């Protein structure tokens, strides 16, 4: 464990202990998958906890420490959704995730207070900490060379609610590295390198065992590649390969 990771763990422990001692809901900033895996590795805290990123398939999530049943009240996650759209769409640049994120970082905003950025054409939907919402709406006026309007919204369009695409793949053995290689059209060695780079997560937990067999329903995330749900084995082929079903989020 490096120094940065050790400091992160200490901070999480402090939040857990303070929440339990004061019967108070406390929230982390948005965590990436590696950070969330570190939180999960600590086990269920005495105060209870819940994760949310503002939408069902969120990659970046906040963790709330506290138990509504034990505390006797509920406190919602401090997450707001902002719609960022060109003032004149027909004159807009082609805008991608990195363009919106770059514009936000150029305002001096730290990544930890920003959740997922979902792209719908040239419009983005940003999940952020509620205390940053007004600042972003007032100051984000340009992305690349495009003038934009930023405003709070209650929900994302149904078109952005990702529905998985079912796929059949064939592997010689039901090992996670083999499954990942087939899903993302990689060689076995390239898939194994993803494990060494700590880019593979199963149900939010870092996975370093490349020979493990996924279980039906497991959500597998590979950073910078995407996510898929393992839906199980269908049959053996005539050539002795395993025919598997996966549900890939695209």
C-alpha atoms as a PDB file:
ATOM      1  CA  UNK A   1       0.000   0.000   0.000  1.00  0.00           C
ATOM      2  CA  UNK A   2       1.487   3.360  -1.026  1.00  0.00           C
ATOM      3  CA  UNK A   3       1.318   6.552   1.029  1.00  0.00           C
ATOM      4  CA  UNK A   4      -1.570   8.036  -0.953  1.00  0.00           C
ATOM      5  CA  UNK A   5      -3.643   4.896  -0.534  1.00  0.00           C
ATOM      6  CA  UNK A   6      -2.828   4.744   3.194  1.00  0.00           C
ATOM      7  CA  UNK A   7      -4.000   8.348   3.637  1.00  0.00           C
ATOM      8  CA  UNK A   8      -7.207   7.538   1.780  1.00  0.00           C
ATOM      9  CA  UNK A   9      -7.895   4.541   4.034  1.00  0.00           C
ATOM     10  CA  UNK A  10      -7.284   6.663   7.158  1.00  0.00           C
ATOM     11  CA  UNK A  11      -9.754   9.244   5.870  1.00  0.00           C
ATOM     12  CA  UNK A  12     -12.377   6.578   5.272  1.00  0.00           C
ATOM     13  CA  UNK A  13     -11.859   5.170   8.762  1.00  0.00           C
ATOM     14  CA  UNK A  14     -12.282   8.653  10.221  1.00  0.00           C
ATOM     15  CA  UNK A  15     -15.583   9.128   8.383  1.00  0.00           C
ATOM     16  CA  UNK A  16     -16.836   5.738   9.573  1.00  0.00           C
ATOM     17  CA  UNK A  17     -15.915   6.408  13.203  1.00  0.00           C
ATOM     18  CA  UNK A  18     -17.315   9.945  13.240  1.00  0.00           C
ATOM     19  CA  UNK A  19     -20.575   8.817  11.645  1.00  0.00           C
ATOM     20  CA  UNK A  20     -20.976   6.028  14.213  1.00  0.00           C
ATOM     21  CA  UNK A  21     -20.000   8.194  17.196  1.00  0.00           C
ATOM     22  CA  UNK A  22     -22.214  11.163  16.288  1.00  0.00           C
ATOM     23  CA  UNK A  23     -25.094   9.288  14.594  1.00  0.00           C
ATOM     24  CA  UNK A  24     -24.455  11.584  11.637  1.00  0.00           C
ATOM     25  CA  UNK A  25     -24.560  10.936   7.894  1.00  0.00           C
ATOM     26  CA  UNK A  26     -21.199  11.648   6.257  1.00  0.00           C
ATOM     27  CA  UNK A  27     -20.276  11.451   2.579  1.00  0.00           C
ATOM     28  CA  UNK A  28     -17.121  10.846   0.609  1.00  0.00           C
ATOM     29  CA  UNK A  29     -16.343  12.705  -2.593  1.00  0.00           C
ATOM     30  CA  UNK A  30     -16.881  10.812  -5.838  1.00  0.00           C
ATOM     31  CA  UNK A  31     -14.710   7.702  -5.867  1.00  0.00           C
ATOM     32  CA  UNK A  32     -13.321   5.888  -8.862  1.00  0.00           C
ATOM     33  CA  UNK A  33     -13.568   2.099  -9.033  1.00  0.00           C
ATOM     34  CA  UNK A  34     -10.178   1.500  -7.408  1.00  0.00           C
ATOM     35  CA  UNK A  35     -11.039   3.759  -4.476  1.00  0.00           C
ATOM     36  CA  UNK A  36     -14.463   2.195  -4.061  1.00  0.00           C
ATOM     37  CA  UNK A  37     -12.814  -1.235  -4.096  1.00  0.00           C
ATOM     38  CA  UNK A  38     -10.561  -0.065  -1.233  1.00  0.00           C
ATOM     39  CA  UNK A  39     -13.642   0.999   0.735  1.00  0.00           C
ATOM     40  CA  UNK A  40     -15.324  -2.366   0.163  1.00  0.00           C
ATOM     41  CA  UNK A  41     -12.166  -4.202   1.223  1.00  0.00           C
ATOM     42  CA  UNK A  42     -12.532  -2.693   4.715  1.00  0.00           C
ATOM     43  CA  UNK A  43     -15.784  -4.562   5.266  1.00  0.00           C
ATOM     44  CA  UNK A  44     -19.212  -3.331   6.354  1.00  0.00           C
ATOM     45  CA  UNK A  45     -18.765  -0.535   8.938  1.00  0.00           C
ATOM     46  CA  UNK A  46     -20.698  -0.483  12.203  1.00  0.00           C
ATOM     47  CA  UNK A  47     -22.448   2.714  11.119  1.00  0.00           C
ATOM     48  CA  UNK A  48     -23.631   1.163   7.832  1.00  0.00           C
ATOM     49  CA  UNK A  49     -22.939   2.522   4.360  1.00  0.00           C
ATOM     50  CA  UNK A  50     -24.449   2.944   0.909  1.00  0.00           C
ATOM     51  CA  UNK A  51     -23.018   3.947  -2.476  1.00  0.00           C
ATOM     52  CA  UNK A  52     -24.671   6.074  -5.166  1.00  0.00           C
ATOM     53  CA  UNK A  53     -23.454   7.936  -8.228  1.00  0.00           C
ATOM     54  CA  UNK A  54     -26.717   9.620  -9.218  1.00  0.00           C
ATOM     55  CA  UNK A  55     -27.783   7.005 -11.763  1.00  0.00           C
ATOM     56  CA  UNK A  56     -28.137   3.247 -11.820  1.00  0.00           C
ATOM     57  CA  UNK A  57     -24.997   2.311 -13.749  1.00  0.00           C
ATOM     58  CA  UNK A  58     -22.662   4.954 -12.309  1.00  0.00           C
ATOM     59  CA  UNK A  59     -18.937   4.313 -12.546  1.00  0.00           C
ATOM     60  CA  UNK A  60     -17.971   7.041 -10.075  1.00  0.00           C
ATOM     61  CA  UNK A  61     -19.868   6.885  -6.790  1.00  0.00           C
ATOM     62  CA  UNK A  62     -20.145   8.602  -3.438  1.00  0.00           C
ATOM     63  CA  UNK A  63     -20.268   6.522  -0.272  1.00  0.00           C
ATOM     64  CA  UNK A  64     -22.614   7.579   2.516  1.00  0.00           C
ATOM     65  CA  UNK A  65     -21.786   6.435   6.028  1.00  0.00           C
ATOM     66  CA  UNK A  66     -24.816   6.110   8.284  1.00  0.00           C
ATOM     67  CA  UNK A  67     -27.892   3.989   8.804  1.00  0.00           C
ATOM     68  CA  UNK A  68     -31.354   5.548   8.300  1.00  0.00           C
ATOM     69  CA  UNK A  69     -32.976   2.867  10.435  1.00  0.00           C
ATOM     70  CA  UNK A  70     -30.519   3.347  13.275  1.00  0.00           C
ATOM     71  CA  UNK A  71     -30.434   7.150  13.035  1.00  0.00           C
ATOM     72  CA  UNK A  72     -34.192   7.511  12.672  1.00  0.00           C
ATOM     73  CA  UNK A  73     -34.013   9.830   9.675  1.00  0.00           C
ATOM     74  CA  UNK A  74     -32.912   9.853   6.030  1.00  0.00           C
ATOM     75  CA  UNK A  75     -30.460  12.167   4.288  1.00  0.00           C
ATOM     76  CA  UNK A  76     -30.196  12.174   0.475  1.00  0.00           C
ATOM     77  CA  UNK A  77     -26.909  12.107  -1.388  1.00  0.00           C
ATOM     78  CA  UNK A  78     -25.635  15.637  -2.172  1.00  0.00           C
ATOM     79  CA  UNK A  79     -25.582  15.034  -5.930  1.00  0.00           C
ATOM     80  CA  UNK A  80     -26.887  17.356  -8.632  1.00  0.00           C
ATOM     81  CA  UNK A  81     -27.315  16.784 -12.381  1.00  0.00           C
ATOM     82  CA  UNK A  82     -26.225  19.556 -14.749  1.00  0.00           C
ATOM     83  CA  UNK A  83     -27.101  19.732 -18.445  1.00  0.00           C
ATOM     84  CA  UNK A  84     -24.350  21.305 -20.544  1.00  0.00           C
ATOM     85  CA  UNK A  85     -25.509  22.146 -24.072  1.00  0.00           C
ATOM     86  CA  UNK A  86     -24.253  24.356 -26.963  1.00  0.00           C
ATOM     87  CA  UNK A  87     -25.998  27.701 -27.365  1.00  0.00           C
ATOM     88  CA  UNK A  88     -26.210  26.994 -31.108  1.00  0.00           C
ATOM     89  CA  UNK A  89     -25.981  23.282 -31.808  1.00  0.00           C
ATOM     90  CA  UNK A  90     -25.459  23.647 -35.573  1.00  0.00           C
ATOM     91  CA  UNK A  91     -22.243  25.619 -34.958  1.00  0.00           C
ATOM     92  CA  UNK A  92     -20.958  23.335 -32.229  1.00  0.00           C
ATOM     93  CA  UNK A  93     -17.622  21.526 -32.323  1.00  0.00           C
ATOM     94  CA  UNK A  94     -17.693  17.763 -32.005  1.00  0.00           C
ATOM     95  CA  UNK A  95     -17.613  17.478 -28.228  1.00  0.00           C
ATOM     96  CA  UNK A  96     -16.432  14.408 -26.353  1.00  0.00           C
ATOM     97  CA  UNK A  97     -16.091  13.383 -22.717  1.00  0.00           C
ATOM     98  CA  UNK A  98     -12.524  14.667 -22.475  1.00  0.00           C
ATOM     99  CA  UNK A  99     -13.586  18.079 -23.821  1.00  0.00           C
ATOM    100  CA  UNK A 100     -16.207  18.595 -21.124  1.00  0.00           C
ATOM    101  CA  UNK A 101     -13.909  17.278 -18.391  1.00  0.00           C
ATOM    102  CA  UNK A 102     -11.060  19.485 -19.609  1.00  0.00           C
ATOM    103  CA  UNK A 103     -13.276  22.573 -19.540  1.00  0.00           C
ATOM    104  CA  UNK A 104     -14.302  21.801 -15.957  1.00  0.00           C
ATOM    105  CA  UNK A 105     -10.732  21.175 -14.797  1.00  0.00           C
ATOM    106  CA  UNK A 106      -9.672  24.461 -16.438  1.00  0.00           C
ATOM    107  CA  UNK A 107     -12.088  26.206 -14.069  1.00  0.00           C
ATOM    108  CA  UNK A 108     -10.009  24.897 -11.176  1.00  0.00           C
ATOM    109  CA  UNK A 109     -12.532  22.203 -10.247  1.00  0.00           C
ATOM    110  CA  UNK A 110     -11.089  19.027  -8.748  1.00  0.00           C
ATOM    111  CA  UNK A 111     -12.045  15.691 -10.275  1.00  0.00           C
ATOM    112  CA  UNK A 112     -13.121  14.335  -6.886  1.00  0.00           C
ATOM    113  CA  UNK A 113     -16.212  16.587  -6.782  1.00  0.00           C
ATOM    114  CA  UNK A 114     -17.321  15.455 -10.250  1.00  0.00           C
ATOM    115  CA  UNK A 115     -19.112  12.192 -10.966  1.00  0.00           C
ATOM    116  CA  UNK A 116     -19.926  10.659 -14.323  1.00  0.00           C
ATOM    117  CA  UNK A 117     -20.234  12.727 -17.485  1.00  0.00           C
ATOM    118  CA  UNK A 118     -22.745  11.194 -19.890  1.00  0.00           C
ATOM    119  CA  UNK A 119     -22.697  12.346 -23.514  1.00  0.00           C
ATOM    120  CA  UNK A 120     -25.798  12.671 -25.715  1.00  0.00           C
ATOM    121  CA  UNK A 121     -24.636  14.004 -29.082  1.00  0.00           C
ATOM    122  CA  UNK A 122     -23.019  17.364 -28.262  1.00  0.00           C
ATOM    123  CA  UNK A 123     -24.837  17.694 -24.938  1.00  0.00           C
ATOM    124  CA  UNK A 124     -23.409  16.426 -21.660  1.00  0.00           C
ATOM    125  CA  UNK A 125     -25.069  15.490 -18.390  1.00  0.00           C
ATOM    126  CA  UNK A 126     -22.759  16.008 -15.441  1.00  0.00           C
ATOM    127  CA  UNK A 127     -23.194  14.575 -11.936  1.00  0.00           C
ATOM    128  CA  UNK A 128     -21.508  16.757  -9.324  1.00  0.00           C
ATOM    129  CA  UNK A 129     -21.488  17.608  -5.634  1.00  0.00           C
ATOM    130  CA  UNK A 130     -24.377  19.939  -4.891  1.00  0.00           C
ATOM    131  CA  UNK A 131     -22.161  22.729  -3.504  1.00  0.00           C
ATOM    132  CA  UNK A 132     -20.407  22.968  -6.884  1.00  0.00           C
ATOM    133  CA  UNK A 133     -23.566  23.171  -9.010  1.00  0.00           C
ATOM    134  CA  UNK A 134     -24.093  26.949  -8.881  1.00  0.00           C
ATOM    135  CA  UNK A 135     -20.407  27.679  -9.492  1.00  0.00           C
ATOM    136  CA  UNK A 136     -20.321  25.444 -12.557  1.00  0.00           C
ATOM    137  CA  UNK A 137     -23.554  26.874 -13.970  1.00  0.00           C
ATOM    138  CA  UNK A 138     -22.245  30.432 -13.569  1.00  0.00           C
ATOM    139  CA  UNK A 139     -18.726  29.873 -14.885  1.00  0.00           C
ATOM    140  CA  UNK A 140     -18.834  27.123 -17.498  1.00  0.00           C
ATOM    141  CA  UNK A 141     -19.551  29.083 -20.674  1.00  0.00           C
ATOM    142  CA  UNK A 142     -17.287  27.413 -23.226  1.00  0.00           C
ATOM    143  CA  UNK A 143     -16.192  23.884 -24.130  1.00  0.00           C
ATOM    144  CA  UNK A 144     -13.411  23.815 -26.752  1.00  0.00           C
ATOM    145  CA  UNK A 145     -14.502  26.625 -29.111  1.00  0.00           C
ATOM    146  CA  UNK A 146     -18.213  26.176 -28.432  1.00  0.00           C
ATOM    147  CA  UNK A 147     -20.293  28.509 -26.275  1.00  0.00           C
ATOM    148  CA  UNK A 148     -22.461  26.483 -23.907  1.00  0.00           C
ATOM    149  CA  UNK A 149     -25.293  26.920 -21.445  1.00  0.00           C
ATOM    150  CA  UNK A 150     -25.197  25.015 -18.164  1.00  0.00           C
ATOM    151  CA  UNK A 151     -28.319  24.433 -16.071  1.00  0.00           C
ATOM    152  CA  UNK A 152     -29.572  22.059 -13.412  1.00  0.00           C
ATOM    153  CA  UNK A 153     -31.944  19.287 -14.428  1.00  0.00           C
ATOM    154  CA  UNK A 154     -33.891  16.619 -12.564  1.00  0.00           C
ATOM    155  CA  UNK A 155     -33.039  13.588 -14.684  1.00  0.00           C
ATOM    156  CA  UNK A 156     -31.111  12.304 -17.668  1.00  0.00           C
ATOM    157  CA  UNK A 157     -32.888  11.363 -20.930  1.00  0.00           C
ATOM    158  CA  UNK A 158     -34.081   7.802 -21.315  1.00  0.00           C
ATOM    159  CA  UNK A 159     -31.701   7.442 -24.274  1.00  0.00           C
ATOM    160  CA  UNK A 160     -28.777   7.660 -21.829  1.00  0.00           C
ATOM    161  CA  UNK A 161     -30.076   4.900 -19.588  1.00  0.00           C
ATOM    162  CA  UNK A 162     -27.742   2.242 -20.872  1.00  0.00           C
ATOM    163  CA  UNK A 163     -29.305  -1.037 -21.874  1.00  0.00           C
ATOM    164  CA  UNK A 164     -26.812  -3.886 -22.241  1.00  0.00           C
ATOM    165  CA  UNK A 165     -26.280  -5.671 -25.530  1.00  0.00           C
ATOM    166  CA  UNK A 166     -26.365  -9.476 -25.250  1.00  0.00           C
ATOM    167  CA  UNK A 167     -23.457 -11.273 -26.894  1.00  0.00           C
ATOM    168  CA  UNK A 168     -22.324 -14.859 -27.240  1.00  0.00           C
ATOM    169  CA  UNK A 169     -18.615 -15.574 -26.966  1.00  0.00           C
ATOM    170  CA  UNK A 170     -16.611 -18.782 -27.078  1.00  0.00           C
ATOM    171  CA  UNK A 171     -13.622 -19.552 -24.873  1.00  0.00           C
ATOM    172  CA  UNK A 172     -11.469 -22.629 -24.353  1.00  0.00           C
ATOM    173  CA  UNK A 173     -11.693 -22.210 -20.554  1.00  0.00           C
ATOM    174  CA  UNK A 174     -13.956 -20.098 -18.358  1.00  0.00           C
ATOM    175  CA  UNK A 175     -11.158 -17.990 -16.900  1.00  0.00           C
ATOM    176  CA  UNK A 176     -11.690 -14.294 -16.402  1.00  0.00           C
ATOM    177  CA  UNK A 177      -8.702 -13.334 -18.548  1.00  0.00           C
ATOM    178  CA  UNK A 178     -10.034 -15.469 -21.402  1.00  0.00           C
ATOM    179  CA  UNK A 179     -13.513 -13.967 -21.089  1.00  0.00           C
ATOM    180  CA  UNK A 180     -12.170 -10.406 -21.081  1.00  0.00           C
ATOM    181  CA  UNK A 181      -9.946 -11.155 -24.076  1.00  0.00           C
ATOM    182  CA  UNK A 182     -12.957 -12.331 -26.086  1.00  0.00           C
ATOM    183  CA  UNK A 183     -15.266  -9.489 -25.030  1.00  0.00           C
ATOM    184  CA  UNK A 184     -12.757  -6.787 -26.006  1.00  0.00           C
ATOM    185  CA  UNK A 185     -11.019  -8.593 -28.907  1.00  0.00           C
ATOM    186  CA  UNK A 186      -7.672  -8.772 -27.105  1.00  0.00           C
ATOM    187  CA  UNK A 187      -4.939 -11.374 -27.048  1.00  0.00           C
ATOM    188  CA  UNK A 188      -4.662 -13.406 -23.858  1.00  0.00           C
ATOM    189  CA  UNK A 189      -1.406 -11.614 -22.962  1.00  0.00           C
ATOM    190  CA  UNK A 190      -3.065  -8.199 -23.450  1.00  0.00           C
ATOM    191  CA  UNK A 191      -5.927  -9.265 -21.178  1.00  0.00           C
ATOM    192  CA  UNK A 192      -3.469 -10.467 -18.539  1.00  0.00           C
ATOM    193  CA  UNK A 193      -1.675  -7.121 -18.643  1.00  0.00           C
ATOM    194  CA  UNK A 194      -4.953  -5.452 -17.581  1.00  0.00           C
ATOM    195  CA  UNK A 195      -4.829  -7.445 -14.341  1.00  0.00           C
ATOM    196  CA  UNK A 196      -1.224  -6.443 -13.691  1.00  0.00           C
ATOM    197  CA  UNK A 197      -2.193  -2.795 -14.274  1.00  0.00           C
ATOM    198  CA  UNK A 198      -5.038  -3.177 -11.708  1.00  0.00           C
ATOM    199  CA  UNK A 199      -7.703  -2.216 -14.241  1.00  0.00           C
ATOM    200  CA  UNK A 200     -10.083  -5.143 -13.677  1.00  0.00           C
ATOM    201  CA  UNK A 201     -12.929  -4.985 -11.141  1.00  0.00           C
ATOM    202  CA  UNK A 202     -15.608  -7.534 -10.320  1.00  0.00           C
ATOM    203  CA  UNK A 203     -18.709  -6.193  -8.540  1.00  0.00           C
ATOM    204  CA  UNK A 204     -16.761  -3.077  -7.621  1.00  0.00           C
ATOM    205  CA  UNK A 205     -13.799  -4.961  -6.123  1.00  0.00           C
ATOM    206  CA  UNK A 206     -10.313  -4.990  -7.593  1.00  0.00           C
ATOM    207  CA  UNK A 207      -9.596  -8.401  -9.144  1.00  0.00           C
ATOM    208  CA  UNK A 208      -6.009  -9.585  -9.516  1.00  0.00           C
ATOM    209  CA  UNK A 209      -6.689 -13.318  -9.917  1.00  0.00           C
ATOM    210  CA  UNK A 210      -6.829 -13.711 -13.669  1.00  0.00           C
ATOM    211  CA  UNK A 211      -7.643 -17.451 -13.492  1.00  0.00           C
ATOM    212  CA  UNK A 212     -10.823 -17.097 -11.415  1.00  0.00           C
ATOM    213  CA  UNK A 213     -14.114 -18.161 -12.975  1.00  0.00           C
ATOM    214  CA  UNK A 214     -16.817 -15.454 -13.014  1.00  0.00           C
ATOM    215  CA  UNK A 215     -20.160 -16.240 -11.432  1.00  0.00           C
ATOM    216  CA  UNK A 216     -23.481 -15.669 -13.140  1.00  0.00           C
ATOM    217  CA  UNK A 217     -24.586 -12.073 -12.536  1.00  0.00           C
ATOM    218  CA  UNK A 218     -21.076 -10.722 -11.877  1.00  0.00           C
ATOM    219  CA  UNK A 219     -20.543  -7.164 -13.126  1.00  0.00           C
ATOM    220  CA  UNK A 220     -17.079  -6.926 -14.636  1.00  0.00           C
ATOM    221  CA  UNK A 221     -15.504  -3.556 -15.286  1.00  0.00           C
ATOM    222  CA  UNK A 222     -12.254  -2.954 -17.152  1.00  0.00           C
ATOM    223  CA  UNK A 223     -11.015   0.602 -16.857  1.00  0.00           C
ATOM    224  CA  UNK A 224     -10.697   2.375 -20.231  1.00  0.00           C
ATOM    225  CA  UNK A 225     -12.453  -0.554 -21.952  1.00  0.00           C
ATOM    226  CA  UNK A 226     -15.963  -0.744 -20.536  1.00  0.00           C
ATOM    227  CA  UNK A 227     -18.246  -2.998 -18.495  1.00  0.00           C
ATOM    228  CA  UNK A 228     -20.202  -6.170 -18.990  1.00  0.00           C
ATOM    229  CA  UNK A 229     -22.317  -8.562 -16.956  1.00  0.00           C
ATOM    230  CA  UNK A 230     -21.507 -12.256 -17.060  1.00  0.00           C
ATOM    231  CA  UNK A 231     -24.774 -14.091 -17.769  1.00  0.00           C
ATOM    232  CA  UNK A 232     -23.458 -17.661 -17.587  1.00  0.00           C
ATOM    233  CA  UNK A 233     -22.563 -20.620 -19.775  1.00  0.00           C
ATOM    234  CA  UNK A 234     -25.032 -21.771 -22.394  1.00  0.00           C
ATOM    235  CA  UNK A 235     -23.452 -24.944 -23.811  1.00  0.00           C
ATOM    236  CA  UNK A 236     -20.333 -26.701 -25.004  1.00  0.00           C
ATOM    237  CA  UNK A 237     -19.616 -26.455 -28.713  1.00  0.00           C
ATOM    238  CA  UNK A 238     -18.756 -29.433 -30.907  1.00  0.00           C
ATOM    239  CA  UNK A 239     -15.131 -28.329 -30.785  1.00  0.00           C
ATOM    240  CA  UNK A 240     -15.118 -28.445 -26.999  1.00  0.00           C
ATOM    241  CA  UNK A 241     -15.324 -24.716 -26.371  1.00  0.00           C
ATOM    242  CA  UNK A 242     -17.524 -23.025 -23.807  1.00  0.00           C
ATOM    243  CA  UNK A 243     -20.280 -20.858 -25.288  1.00  0.00           C
ATOM    244  CA  UNK A 244     -20.946 -18.014 -22.852  1.00  0.00           C
ATOM    245  CA  UNK A 245     -23.465 -15.204 -22.708  1.00  0.00           C
ATOM    246  CA  UNK A 246     -22.416 -11.694 -21.671  1.00  0.00           C
ATOM    247  CA  UNK A 247     -24.388  -8.463 -21.473  1.00  0.00           C
ATOM    248  CA  UNK A 248     -22.118  -5.635 -22.595  1.00  0.00           C
ATOM    249  CA  UNK A 249     -22.775  -1.977 -21.821  1.00  0.00           C
ATOM    250  CA  UNK A 250     -21.920   0.128 -24.849  1.00  0.00           C
END
